[in-house]
Amino acid sequence: MIRFSLEGKLALVLSISAVLTVAVTAILFLSIDNTWVALLVALTLTVTLSVLVAQRAAAPIRNLILALRDGVSGLKDGDFSTSIAKRRNDELGKLVGVYNELGDVLRRERQSLFQRELLLDTVIQTTPLALVLVNPSDRVVYSNTAARELFRGGKALNGKNFSSVLNHIDEGFARAVNAGRDGLFTISEDDEPHTYHLSLRNFELNAQPHQLYLFKQLTHELSRQEVATWKKVIRLISHELNNSLAPISSLAHSGGIILQNPNQDKLADIFATIEERSLHLKTFIEGYARFARLPAPRLQDVDINAFVEMLSHTVNFNWSTADTYGDMQADQVQLEQVFINLLKNAHESGSAPEDVELVITPTSRQVRFEVHDRGAGMSDQVMKNALLPFYSTKQKGTGLGLPLCREIVEAHDGRLSIANREGGGTTVSVTLPKNR
């Protein structure tokens, strides 16, 4: 608690000086007969005494202000270790306390920041993801251990020209970087193919644009996925072939027996069944061939209103004809395949035809299509696997409809997602960029 304020102390010093001045002057006037001499001596002694008292009173204040000045300079330079002894119980003492508290807070914050930076750097340096940060001059300003091992065999990478570094390794890295987009690429290392995924991010650092490259080795993961996929494909194709070839073989044998019998009335049914199973097998194989041979989209300007109007002549659905949605760049033939498939799925979900709806929401950069229905919806298990190739809940489904739709949408740099609706039914959302 403050017993005397700084203002009170200064008033006390001045009061003491005034009392001493009056006392000295009175004594001198009583001791010296000459009034002018007494006044001159009194004035001299009073000024000297006042200066001495003021210096004595101001010295601690001056020393404290100098200490605060040095302390603030230290804070400015990042030195938070200096504290000032609190020996006063006035406003200046309170100021010293605030300064010391500020130093403690800054010291704790710096320690916490240092620990977080250390943790972040440890994570970055130990991750298998190769990370390279490049400035506008194409100089590497930051890299982690994985990047140094990948590009320079563990040698320093910071400060090097990134393009020059890429020129000394497999050209697949340079092609992927120059493409300027996320994606997979394959290089040859020790006469074996190795697959990487490149993620590219642009951001500003110190008011300058920088590029962050993330390289992830996916060879082992893709190999395992490839083996698992092949096993699934082989099982599925084997199942379909057996379902078609077994009846064909049996019916062909039966047909041979019937040919030896004068009664050949059943031959027509046998040949019809053989034809039906053969067509099913042909359709099944063609479906997989289309999925494997999906070409890159041929982009052109597409009028969204005209596109949706054309879809409405193929599949029935509700949409807002009063709005104008503008244009987008897309492969119209491939997108027709996507939306016809999605809208037919909506009708086959058990939804009433009038509840099948296509909602279009355009923005300045993209357009969002939502196919709504009021069918049975999807269970969590079906929702989890709906976009996986070869997964189907339909009795005669191939499991390629939705995966093919997603493949086409992602080839357009878009996104496809599925969600259940409140009140029943499903929403399939397709988001596409307007321009590429």
Protein backbone atom coordinates (compact mmCIF):
# COMPACT_ATOMS: atom_id res chain seq x y z
CA MET A 1 0.00 0.00 0.00
CA ILE A 2 1.34 3.52 -0.89
CA ARG A 3 2.03 5.49 2.32
CA PHE A 4 3.32 8.66 0.61
CA SER A 5 2.69 9.51 -3.00
CA LEU A 6 5.43 10.95 -5.16
CA GLU A 7 3.53 14.23 -5.23
CA GLY A 8 3.33 14.25 -1.44
CA LYS A 9 7.05 13.63 -1.08
CA LEU A 10 7.90 16.51 -3.40
CA ALA A 11 5.54 18.80 -1.46
CA LEU A 12 7.22 17.75 1.80
CA VAL A 13 10.69 18.52 0.41
CA LEU A 14 9.57 21.95 -0.76
CA SER A 15 7.94 22.66 2.59
CA ILE A 16 11.11 21.74 4.48
CA SER A 17 13.14 23.96 2.15
CA ALA A 18 10.75 26.86 2.73
CA VAL A 19 10.87 26.45 6.53
CA LEU A 20 14.68 26.32 6.52
CA THR A 21 14.80 29.39 4.31
CA VAL A 22 12.58 31.36 6.67
CA ALA A 23 14.57 30.19 9.72
CA VAL A 24 17.95 31.04 8.19
CA THR A 25 16.72 34.44 7.03
CA ALA A 26 15.33 35.28 10.48
CA ILE A 27 18.56 34.26 12.22
CA LEU A 28 20.68 36.31 9.80
CA PHE A 29 18.52 39.39 10.19
CA LEU A 30 18.90 39.14 13.97
CA SER A 31 22.69 38.61 13.75
CA ILE A 32 23.65 41.16 11.04
CA ASP A 33 22.80 44.82 11.34
CA ASN A 34 23.15 45.55 7.63
CA THR A 35 19.87 44.54 6.03
CA TRP A 36 21.23 44.13 2.47
CA VAL A 37 24.14 42.03 3.60
CA ALA A 38 21.82 39.87 5.69
CA LEU A 39 19.45 39.44 2.71
CA LEU A 40 22.30 38.51 0.34
CA VAL A 41 23.75 35.96 2.71
CA ALA A 42 20.28 34.51 3.41
CA LEU A 43 19.55 34.20 -0.30
CA THR A 44 22.87 32.48 -0.95
CA LEU A 45 22.42 29.99 1.86
CA THR A 46 18.79 29.35 0.89
CA VAL A 47 19.62 28.58 -2.77
CA THR A 48 22.52 26.33 -1.76
CA LEU A 49 20.42 24.49 0.79
CA SER A 50 17.50 24.11 -1.65
CA VAL A 51 19.79 22.68 -4.34
CA LEU A 52 21.31 20.18 -1.90
CA VAL A 53 17.88 19.08 -0.68
CA ALA A 54 16.52 18.79 -4.24
CA GLN A 55 19.55 16.75 -5.36
CA ARG A 56 19.22 14.44 -2.40
CA ALA A 57 15.52 13.95 -3.07
CA ALA A 58 15.89 13.57 -6.86
CA ALA A 59 18.87 11.17 -6.88
CA PRO A 60 16.83 7.96 -6.18
CA ILE A 61 14.22 8.99 -8.73
CA ARG A 62 16.87 9.68 -11.36
CA ASN A 63 18.60 6.35 -10.70
CA LEU A 64 15.30 4.50 -10.93
CA ILE A 65 14.37 6.18 -14.23
CA LEU A 66 17.79 5.28 -15.66
CA ALA A 67 17.28 1.67 -14.54
CA LEU A 68 13.85 1.58 -16.19
CA ARG A 69 15.30 3.06 -19.36
CA ASP A 70 18.02 0.40 -19.48
CA GLY A 71 15.48 -2.31 -18.71
CA VAL A 72 13.13 -1.23 -21.52
CA SER A 73 16.10 -1.13 -23.92
CA GLY A 74 16.86 -4.69 -22.87
CA LEU A 75 13.27 -5.77 -23.59
CA LYS A 76 13.52 -4.15 -26.99
CA ASP A 77 16.69 -6.19 -27.69
CA GLY A 78 15.08 -9.41 -26.50
CA ASP A 79 16.74 -9.53 -23.07
CA PHE A 80 14.01 -10.44 -20.59
CA SER A 81 16.32 -11.46 -17.74
CA THR A 82 16.71 -8.03 -16.10
CA SER A 83 14.64 -7.20 -13.02
CA ILE A 84 14.70 -4.01 -10.92
CA ALA A 85 14.69 -4.10 -7.13
CA LYS A 86 11.52 -2.56 -5.72
CA ARG A 87 12.54 -0.31 -2.82
CA ARG A 88 9.83 2.32 -3.05
CA ASN A 89 6.22 2.32 -2.00
CA ASP A 90 4.96 5.11 -4.26
CA GLU A 91 3.96 5.46 -7.91
CA LEU A 92 7.51 4.77 -9.08
CA GLY A 93 7.58 1.62 -6.99
CA LYS A 94 4.32 0.55 -8.60
CA LEU A 95 5.85 1.24 -12.04
CA VAL A 96 8.84 -0.96 -11.15
CA GLY A 97 6.44 -3.75 -10.16
CA VAL A 98 4.62 -3.51 -13.51
CA TYR A 99 7.96 -3.58 -15.35
CA ASN A 100 9.06 -6.71 -13.47
CA GLU A 101 5.72 -8.44 -14.19
CA LEU A 102 6.05 -7.56 -17.88
CA GLY A 103 9.53 -9.07 -17.96
CA ASP A 104 8.26 -12.26 -16.31
CA VAL A 105 5.40 -12.60 -18.82
CA LEU A 106 7.68 -12.02 -21.80
CA ARG A 107 10.23 -14.46 -20.40
CA ARG A 108 7.59 -17.18 -20.01
CA GLU A 109 6.15 -16.49 -23.44
CA ARG A 110 9.57 -16.72 -25.07
CA GLN A 111 10.29 -19.98 -23.28
CA SER A 112 6.92 -21.38 -24.37
CA LEU A 113 7.51 -20.20 -27.94
CA PHE A 114 10.96 -21.76 -27.94
CA GLN A 115 9.52 -25.09 -26.75
CA ARG A 116 6.83 -25.01 -29.45
CA GLU A 117 9.39 -24.16 -32.13
CA LEU A 118 11.61 -26.97 -30.91
CA LEU A 119 8.70 -29.41 -30.99
CA LEU A 120 7.64 -28.27 -34.48
CA ASP A 121 11.19 -28.49 -35.82
CA THR A 122 11.60 -31.96 -34.29
CA VAL A 123 8.39 -33.12 -35.98
CA ILE A 124 9.40 -31.59 -39.33
CA GLN A 125 12.93 -32.99 -39.20
CA THR A 126 11.80 -36.52 -38.28
CA THR A 127 8.86 -36.81 -40.69
CA PRO A 128 9.43 -38.99 -43.79
CA LEU A 129 7.74 -36.25 -45.83
CA ALA A 130 10.36 -34.27 -47.79
CA LEU A 131 9.69 -30.54 -47.29
CA VAL A 132 11.28 -27.71 -49.32
CA LEU A 133 10.45 -23.99 -49.00
CA VAL A 134 11.54 -21.83 -51.95
CA ASN A 135 11.62 -18.01 -52.16
CA PRO A 136 10.82 -15.87 -55.25
CA SER A 137 14.46 -16.17 -56.40
CA ASP A 138 14.08 -19.98 -56.51
CA ARG A 139 16.44 -20.31 -53.54
CA VAL A 140 15.76 -22.92 -50.88
CA VAL A 141 15.17 -21.10 -47.59
CA TYR A 142 14.15 -24.14 -45.55
CA SER A 143 14.36 -27.92 -45.89
CA ASN A 144 14.09 -30.90 -43.58
CA THR A 145 16.20 -34.02 -43.19
CA ALA A 146 14.10 -36.09 -45.60
CA ALA A 147 14.48 -33.41 -48.31
CA ARG A 148 18.24 -33.24 -47.85
CA GLU A 149 18.49 -37.02 -48.11
CA LEU A 150 16.21 -37.14 -51.16
CA PHE A 151 17.84 -34.36 -53.19
CA ARG A 152 21.47 -34.14 -52.02
CA GLY A 153 22.25 -37.32 -50.15
CA GLY A 154 22.09 -35.62 -46.76
CA LYS A 155 24.14 -32.53 -47.71
CA ALA A 156 23.01 -28.97 -47.03
CA LEU A 157 20.15 -27.77 -49.23
CA ASN A 158 19.37 -24.31 -47.85
CA GLY A 159 20.58 -21.50 -50.08
CA LYS A 160 20.80 -23.68 -53.18
CA ASN A 161 18.97 -22.93 -56.42
CA PHE A 162 16.10 -25.43 -56.43
CA SER A 163 15.97 -25.77 -60.22
CA SER A 164 19.68 -26.57 -60.31
CA VAL A 165 19.20 -29.18 -57.59
CA LEU A 166 16.40 -30.82 -59.60
CA ASN A 167 18.58 -30.91 -62.72
CA HIS A 168 21.03 -33.24 -60.98
CA ILE A 169 18.46 -35.92 -60.08
CA ASP A 170 15.80 -37.89 -61.96
CA GLU A 171 13.97 -35.64 -64.43
CA GLY A 172 10.63 -36.86 -63.09
CA PHE A 173 11.01 -34.48 -60.12
CA ALA A 174 11.55 -31.46 -62.40
CA ARG A 175 8.57 -32.38 -64.58
CA ALA A 176 6.31 -32.71 -61.53
CA VAL A 177 7.48 -29.37 -60.06
CA ASN A 178 7.17 -27.54 -63.39
CA ALA A 179 3.63 -28.87 -63.84
CA GLY A 180 2.65 -26.59 -60.93
CA ARG A 181 -0.07 -28.79 -59.43
CA ASP A 182 -0.58 -31.61 -56.96
CA GLY A 183 -0.28 -35.14 -58.28
CA LEU A 184 1.52 -38.46 -58.50
CA PHE A 185 4.67 -39.04 -60.52
CA THR A 186 7.04 -41.95 -61.01
CA ILE A 187 10.83 -41.99 -61.21
CA SER A 188 13.34 -44.75 -61.85
CA GLU A 189 15.73 -45.50 -59.01
CA ASP A 190 18.06 -48.51 -58.99
CA ASP A 191 16.23 -49.74 -62.10
CA GLU A 192 12.99 -49.88 -60.16
CA PRO A 193 9.97 -47.55 -60.40
CA HIS A 194 9.26 -45.36 -57.36
CA THR A 195 6.07 -43.36 -56.99
CA TYR A 196 5.86 -40.00 -55.20
CA HIS A 197 3.06 -37.59 -54.44
CA LEU A 198 3.77 -33.87 -54.77
CA SER A 199 1.76 -31.25 -52.88
CA LEU A 200 2.37 -27.60 -53.78
CA ARG A 201 1.25 -24.66 -51.65
CA ASN A 202 1.72 -20.92 -52.25
CA PHE A 203 1.76 -18.38 -49.43
CA GLU A 204 3.35 -15.08 -48.40
CA LEU A 205 6.26 -14.87 -45.98
CA ASN A 206 7.67 -11.47 -45.02
CA ALA A 207 5.44 -9.89 -47.69
CA GLN A 208 7.04 -12.09 -50.40
CA PRO A 209 5.46 -15.05 -52.23
CA HIS A 210 6.98 -18.43 -51.34
CA GLN A 211 6.33 -21.96 -52.55
CA LEU A 212 6.21 -25.00 -50.31
CA TYR A 213 6.86 -28.39 -51.92
CA LEU A 214 5.93 -31.61 -50.10
CA PHE A 215 7.18 -34.91 -51.54
CA LYS A 216 5.81 -38.19 -50.16
CA GLN A 217 7.12 -41.63 -51.06
CA LEU A 218 4.12 -43.81 -51.90
CA THR A 219 5.76 -46.82 -53.53
CA HIS A 220 5.14 -49.31 -50.73
CA GLU A 221 1.63 -48.05 -49.95
CA LEU A 222 0.64 -48.13 -53.62
CA SER A 223 2.12 -51.58 -54.07
CA ARG A 224 0.05 -52.93 -51.22
CA GLN A 225 -3.06 -51.17 -52.53
CA GLU A 226 -2.36 -52.44 -56.04
CA VAL A 227 -2.05 -56.04 -54.85
CA ALA A 228 -5.24 -55.71 -52.78
CA THR A 229 -7.08 -54.19 -55.76
CA TRP A 230 -5.90 -56.89 -58.13
CA LYS A 231 -7.04 -59.57 -55.70
CA LYS A 232 -10.45 -57.94 -55.48
CA VAL A 233 -10.70 -57.56 -59.26
CA ILE A 234 -9.67 -61.17 -59.82
CA ARG A 235 -12.22 -62.41 -57.28
CA LEU A 236 -14.97 -60.29 -58.83
CA ILE A 237 -14.14 -61.22 -62.43
CA SER A 238 -13.81 -64.88 -61.45
CA HIS A 239 -17.24 -64.71 -59.81
CA GLU A 240 -18.84 -63.05 -62.83
CA LEU A 241 -17.18 -65.43 -65.27
CA ASN A 242 -18.29 -68.45 -63.29
CA ASN A 243 -21.85 -67.09 -63.06
CA SER A 244 -21.97 -66.81 -66.85
CA LEU A 245 -19.74 -69.64 -68.06
CA ALA A 246 -21.17 -72.33 -65.78
CA PRO A 247 -24.75 -71.94 -67.15
CA ILE A 248 -23.41 -71.64 -70.70
CA SER A 249 -21.40 -74.84 -70.31
CA SER A 250 -24.31 -76.68 -68.73
CA LEU A 251 -26.79 -75.48 -71.33
CA ALA A 252 -24.42 -76.32 -74.20
CA HIS A 253 -24.14 -79.86 -72.82
CA SER A 254 -27.90 -80.08 -72.50
CA GLY A 255 -28.30 -78.75 -76.02
CA GLY A 256 -26.03 -81.48 -77.34
CA ILE A 257 -28.18 -84.11 -75.67
CA ILE A 258 -31.38 -82.57 -77.02
CA LEU A 259 -29.97 -82.55 -80.56
CA GLN A 260 -29.85 -86.34 -80.34
CA ASN A 261 -33.53 -86.34 -79.33
CA PRO A 262 -36.22 -85.74 -81.96
CA ASN A 263 -37.98 -83.38 -79.48
CA GLN A 264 -36.04 -80.09 -79.84
CA ASP A 265 -38.63 -77.68 -78.38
CA LYS A 266 -36.32 -76.67 -75.50
CA LEU A 267 -33.49 -75.55 -77.80
CA ALA A 268 -34.96 -72.05 -78.17
CA ASP A 269 -34.93 -71.50 -74.40
CA ILE A 270 -31.40 -72.86 -74.13
CA PHE A 271 -30.06 -70.56 -76.85
CA ALA A 272 -31.93 -67.55 -75.36
CA THR A 273 -30.36 -68.18 -71.96
CA ILE A 274 -26.89 -68.61 -73.50
CA GLU A 275 -27.36 -65.31 -75.38
CA GLU A 276 -28.54 -63.51 -72.21
CA ARG A 277 -25.55 -64.70 -70.16
CA SER A 278 -23.15 -63.86 -73.02
CA LEU A 279 -24.53 -60.31 -73.30
CA HIS A 280 -24.27 -59.89 -69.52
CA LEU A 281 -20.63 -60.98 -69.63
CA LYS A 282 -19.94 -58.65 -72.57
CA THR A 283 -21.53 -55.70 -70.71
CA PHE A 284 -19.55 -56.52 -67.59
CA ILE A 285 -16.21 -56.57 -69.45
CA GLU A 286 -17.02 -53.39 -71.39
CA GLY A 287 -17.79 -51.57 -68.14
CA TYR A 288 -14.35 -52.31 -66.75
CA ALA A 289 -12.74 -51.38 -70.05
CA ARG A 290 -14.42 -47.95 -69.99
CA PHE A 291 -13.18 -47.35 -66.45
CA ALA A 292 -9.61 -48.31 -67.41
CA ARG A 293 -9.57 -46.28 -70.64
CA LEU A 294 -11.11 -43.05 -69.34
CA PRO A 295 -9.52 -40.29 -71.47
CA ALA A 296 -8.42 -36.88 -70.20
CA PRO A 297 -11.28 -34.35 -70.37
CA ARG A 298 -11.49 -32.22 -73.51
CA LEU A 299 -12.38 -28.82 -72.10
CA GLN A 300 -14.76 -26.45 -73.81
CA ASP A 301 -17.13 -23.67 -72.75
CA VAL A 302 -20.39 -25.19 -71.55
CA ASP A 303 -23.58 -23.19 -71.01
CA ILE A 304 -24.84 -24.59 -67.70
CA ASN A 305 -28.52 -23.82 -68.37
CA ALA A 306 -28.41 -25.47 -71.80
CA PHE A 307 -26.49 -28.43 -70.36
CA VAL A 308 -29.05 -29.05 -67.61
CA GLU A 309 -31.93 -28.55 -70.04
CA MET A 310 -30.44 -31.27 -72.26
CA LEU A 311 -30.14 -33.60 -69.23
CA SER A 312 -33.81 -33.06 -68.43
CA HIS A 313 -34.72 -34.60 -71.82
CA THR A 314 -32.89 -37.79 -70.83
CA VAL A 315 -33.82 -38.17 -67.13
CA ASN A 316 -36.72 -36.63 -65.25
CA PHE A 317 -35.84 -34.28 -62.37
CA ASN A 318 -36.80 -30.91 -60.93
CA TRP A 319 -34.61 -27.83 -61.30
CA SER A 320 -34.97 -24.05 -61.31
CA THR A 321 -35.38 -22.96 -64.94
CA ALA A 322 -35.82 -19.30 -63.97
CA ASP A 323 -32.18 -18.78 -62.89
CA THR A 324 -29.18 -18.14 -65.13
CA TYR A 325 -26.04 -20.03 -64.09
CA GLY A 326 -23.46 -18.84 -66.63
CA ASP A 327 -20.72 -20.90 -68.28
CA MET A 328 -18.00 -23.30 -67.17
CA GLN A 329 -15.12 -25.12 -68.82
CA ALA A 330 -15.67 -28.88 -68.95
CA ASP A 331 -15.88 -31.99 -71.09
CA GLN A 332 -19.62 -31.99 -71.76
CA VAL A 333 -19.78 -35.63 -72.86
CA GLN A 334 -18.08 -36.87 -69.69
CA LEU A 335 -20.23 -34.69 -67.45
CA GLU A 336 -23.37 -35.96 -69.16
CA GLN A 337 -22.27 -39.46 -68.21
CA VAL A 338 -21.75 -38.33 -64.58
CA PHE A 339 -25.11 -36.64 -64.06
CA ILE A 340 -27.16 -39.19 -65.99
CA ASN A 341 -25.67 -41.88 -63.76
CA LEU A 342 -26.31 -39.86 -60.56
CA LEU A 343 -29.87 -38.97 -61.53
CA LYS A 344 -30.68 -42.58 -62.49
CA ASN A 345 -29.29 -43.71 -59.13
CA ALA A 346 -31.61 -41.20 -57.45
CA HIS A 347 -34.61 -42.69 -59.25
CA GLU A 348 -33.48 -46.24 -58.40
CA SER A 349 -33.09 -45.35 -54.68
CA GLY A 350 -36.81 -45.78 -54.06
CA SER A 351 -37.49 -42.04 -54.20
CA ALA A 352 -40.70 -40.68 -55.70
CA PRO A 353 -39.91 -39.19 -59.15
CA GLU A 354 -41.09 -35.72 -58.06
CA ASP A 355 -38.56 -35.74 -55.19
CA VAL A 356 -35.55 -36.12 -57.50
CA GLU A 357 -34.05 -32.65 -57.79
CA LEU A 358 -30.90 -31.00 -59.20
CA VAL A 359 -29.86 -27.82 -57.34
CA ILE A 360 -27.19 -25.60 -58.94
CA THR A 361 -25.27 -23.03 -56.88
CA PRO A 362 -22.73 -20.96 -58.85
CA THR A 363 -20.05 -18.69 -57.36
CA SER A 364 -17.40 -16.54 -58.99
CA ARG A 365 -14.90 -19.42 -59.21
CA GLN A 366 -16.89 -22.65 -59.08
CA VAL A 367 -20.30 -24.20 -59.48
CA ARG A 368 -21.89 -26.73 -57.15
CA PHE A 369 -24.41 -29.34 -58.34
CA GLU A 370 -26.47 -31.26 -55.78
CA VAL A 371 -28.59 -34.28 -56.72
CA HIS A 372 -31.31 -34.77 -54.06
CA ASP A 373 -33.62 -37.71 -53.59
CA ARG A 374 -35.96 -39.04 -50.90
CA GLY A 375 -35.02 -42.68 -51.19
CA ALA A 376 -33.86 -45.12 -48.52
CA GLY A 377 -30.53 -43.35 -47.98
CA MET A 378 -27.30 -45.21 -47.19
CA SER A 379 -26.07 -47.05 -44.12
CA ASP A 380 -22.72 -46.10 -42.63
CA GLN A 381 -21.10 -49.16 -44.21
CA VAL A 382 -22.50 -48.42 -47.66
CA MET A 383 -21.59 -44.73 -47.35
CA LYS A 384 -18.02 -45.68 -46.46
CA ASN A 385 -17.57 -47.91 -49.53
CA ALA A 386 -19.88 -46.27 -52.08
CA LEU A 387 -17.06 -44.57 -54.00
CA LEU A 388 -14.74 -47.59 -54.01
CA PRO A 389 -14.39 -49.45 -57.32
CA PHE A 390 -16.18 -52.82 -57.57
CA TYR A 391 -18.41 -52.14 -54.54
CA SER A 392 -22.13 -52.49 -55.30
CA THR A 393 -25.33 -53.16 -53.38
CA LYS A 394 -27.31 -53.77 -56.57
CA GLN A 395 -27.98 -57.34 -57.61
CA LYS A 396 -26.64 -56.77 -61.12
CA GLY A 397 -24.36 -53.82 -60.36
CA THR A 398 -20.70 -53.73 -61.36
CA GLY A 399 -19.63 -51.27 -58.66
CA LEU A 400 -18.16 -48.88 -61.24
CA GLY A 401 -20.87 -46.22 -61.60
CA LEU A 402 -20.00 -43.92 -58.70
CA PRO A 403 -16.22 -44.54 -58.89
CA LEU A 404 -16.32 -43.63 -62.58
CA CYS A 405 -18.26 -40.46 -61.74
CA ARG A 406 -15.70 -39.50 -59.12
CA GLU A 407 -12.84 -40.23 -61.54
CA ILE A 408 -14.37 -37.89 -64.13
CA VAL A 409 -15.10 -35.15 -61.58
CA GLU A 410 -11.57 -35.28 -60.13
CA ALA A 411 -10.12 -35.18 -63.65
CA HIS A 412 -11.92 -31.82 -63.90
CA ASP A 413 -10.20 -30.72 -60.63
CA GLY A 414 -13.54 -31.06 -58.86
CA ARG A 415 -14.91 -32.93 -55.84
CA LEU A 416 -17.71 -35.48 -55.43
CA SER A 417 -19.22 -36.30 -52.04
CA ILE A 418 -22.23 -38.19 -50.71
CA ALA A 419 -24.33 -37.48 -47.61
CA ASN A 420 -27.62 -38.64 -46.15
CA ARG A 421 -30.40 -36.03 -45.94
CA GLU A 422 -32.41 -35.15 -42.89
CA GLY A 423 -35.83 -36.69 -43.26
CA GLY A 424 -34.52 -39.47 -45.50
CA GLY A 425 -32.79 -39.68 -48.83
CA THR A 426 -29.37 -38.85 -50.20
CA THR A 427 -27.51 -35.82 -51.56
CA VAL A 428 -24.67 -36.26 -54.03
CA SER A 429 -22.64 -33.06 -54.38
CA VAL A 430 -20.42 -32.28 -57.36
CA THR A 431 -18.26 -29.15 -57.16
CA LEU A 432 -16.48 -28.06 -60.35
CA PRO A 433 -14.25 -25.06 -61.15
CA LYS A 434 -15.70 -22.64 -63.66
CA ASN A 435 -12.36 -21.97 -65.35
CA ARG A 436 -9.14 -23.96 -65.52
